[in-house]
Amino acid sequence: MEIVNQDSGAAAELAALSRALDRIEAMPGSRAKTAAIREVAEGLGKLDARAAKMREAEVLRIRTAEQLALAPLAERVGVSKARAGQIVKAEERRQEQEAGNG
């Protein structure tokens, strides 16, 4: 199953990560394997958080630039309509707070 557009270059990077996980999975049980699993899991957690922030920024950029309704916006970035709405509302609240403090 293709999870990203081949043109983005991300597919090759994800494939490389998958191969690295395959190598770790094939290691015999040891402290080194445990350490490798931990390192990858922690690194993936950080990357996941970073990707989520990037996606949120993209939701807001598209919403501002193209004035898309929530359903097509959500479909385009790969989140639920509810999640897209949460992102937009959080930004609206942030801007209101900023305006109130300014």
Protein backbone atom coordinates (compact mmCIF):
# COMPACT_ATOMS: atom_id res chain seq x y z
CA MET A 1 0.00 0.00 0.00
CA GLU A 2 1.47 3.33 -1.07
CA ILE A 3 1.19 5.81 1.78
CA VAL A 4 2.81 8.81 0.15
CA ASN A 5 3.21 10.18 -3.33
CA GLN A 6 6.32 8.75 -4.98
CA ASP A 7 7.26 12.23 -6.23
CA SER A 8 7.65 13.55 -2.68
CA GLY A 9 10.69 11.40 -1.97
CA ALA A 10 9.14 10.37 1.32
CA ALA A 11 8.26 6.91 0.02
CA ALA A 12 11.95 6.03 -0.41
CA GLU A 13 12.75 7.32 3.06
CA LEU A 14 9.92 5.29 4.58
CA ALA A 15 11.11 2.20 2.71
CA ALA A 16 14.61 2.71 4.15
CA LEU A 17 13.15 2.98 7.63
CA SER A 18 11.17 -0.21 7.05
CA ARG A 19 14.37 -2.01 6.02
CA ALA A 20 16.09 -0.77 9.17
CA LEU A 21 13.22 -2.14 11.25
CA ASP A 22 13.49 -5.46 9.41
CA ARG A 23 17.19 -5.63 10.35
CA ILE A 24 16.42 -4.91 14.00
CA GLU A 25 13.61 -7.45 14.03
CA ALA A 26 15.98 -10.08 12.65
CA MET A 27 18.55 -9.50 15.43
CA PRO A 28 18.78 -12.17 18.09
CA GLY A 29 17.36 -11.18 21.46
CA SER A 30 19.99 -9.09 23.20
CA ARG A 31 20.65 -5.80 24.94
CA ALA A 32 21.67 -4.39 21.56
CA LYS A 33 18.31 -5.33 20.04
CA THR A 34 16.45 -3.86 23.00
CA ALA A 35 18.48 -0.65 22.73
CA ALA A 36 17.87 -0.44 18.99
CA ILE A 37 14.12 -0.94 19.45
CA ARG A 38 14.04 1.73 22.14
CA GLU A 39 16.03 4.17 20.03
CA VAL A 40 13.78 3.67 17.02
CA ALA A 41 10.57 3.89 19.07
CA GLU A 42 11.69 7.13 20.75
CA GLY A 43 12.87 8.59 17.46
CA LEU A 44 9.63 7.68 15.72
CA GLY A 45 7.66 9.30 18.52
CA LYS A 46 9.55 12.55 18.01
CA LEU A 47 9.13 12.35 14.25
CA ASP A 48 5.41 11.64 14.66
CA ALA A 49 4.98 14.75 16.80
CA ARG A 50 6.92 16.81 14.26
CA ALA A 51 4.85 15.46 11.35
CA ALA A 52 1.63 16.22 13.24
CA LYS A 53 2.72 19.84 13.73
CA MET A 54 3.65 20.08 10.08
CA ARG A 55 0.25 18.70 9.08
CA GLU A 56 -1.50 21.18 11.37
CA ALA A 57 0.44 24.02 9.77
CA GLU A 58 -0.51 22.74 6.33
CA VAL A 59 -4.19 22.56 7.32
CA LEU A 60 -4.04 26.21 8.38
CA ARG A 61 -2.08 27.27 5.31
CA ILE A 62 -4.54 25.63 2.93
CA ARG A 63 -7.55 26.90 4.87
CA THR A 64 -6.22 30.47 4.64
CA ALA A 65 -4.93 30.34 1.07
CA GLU A 66 -7.75 28.39 -0.55
CA GLN A 67 -10.69 28.90 1.82
CA LEU A 68 -11.60 25.21 1.59
CA ALA A 69 -14.52 23.86 3.58
CA LEU A 70 -13.58 21.37 6.29
CA ALA A 71 -14.54 18.18 4.42
CA PRO A 72 -12.37 18.75 1.33
CA LEU A 73 -9.61 20.21 3.49
CA ALA A 74 -9.62 17.14 5.73
CA GLU A 75 -9.60 14.77 2.78
CA ARG A 76 -6.70 16.60 1.17
CA VAL A 77 -4.43 16.43 4.21
CA GLY A 78 -5.54 13.00 5.39
CA VAL A 79 -7.34 13.77 8.63
CA SER A 80 -10.95 13.48 9.69
CA LYS A 81 -13.29 16.41 9.24
CA ALA A 82 -13.54 16.60 13.04
CA ARG A 83 -9.74 16.78 13.39
CA ALA A 84 -9.49 19.49 10.74
CA GLY A 85 -12.15 21.42 12.66
CA GLN A 86 -10.20 21.02 15.90
CA ILE A 87 -7.05 22.38 14.28
CA VAL A 88 -8.89 25.38 12.83
CA LYS A 89 -10.71 26.12 16.10
CA ALA A 90 -7.49 25.88 18.13
CA GLU A 91 -5.85 28.40 15.82
CA GLU A 92 -8.87 30.71 16.06
CA ARG A 93 -8.67 30.54 19.88
CA ARG A 94 -4.92 31.18 19.78
CA GLN A 95 -5.44 34.26 17.60
CA GLU A 96 -8.23 35.54 19.85
CA GLN A 97 -5.98 35.16 22.91
CA GLU A 98 -3.15 36.90 21.09
CA ALA A 99 -5.46 39.78 20.11
CA GLY A 100 -6.68 40.05 23.70
CA ASN A 101 -3.14 40.24 25.03
CA GLY A 102 -1.97 42.72 22.41
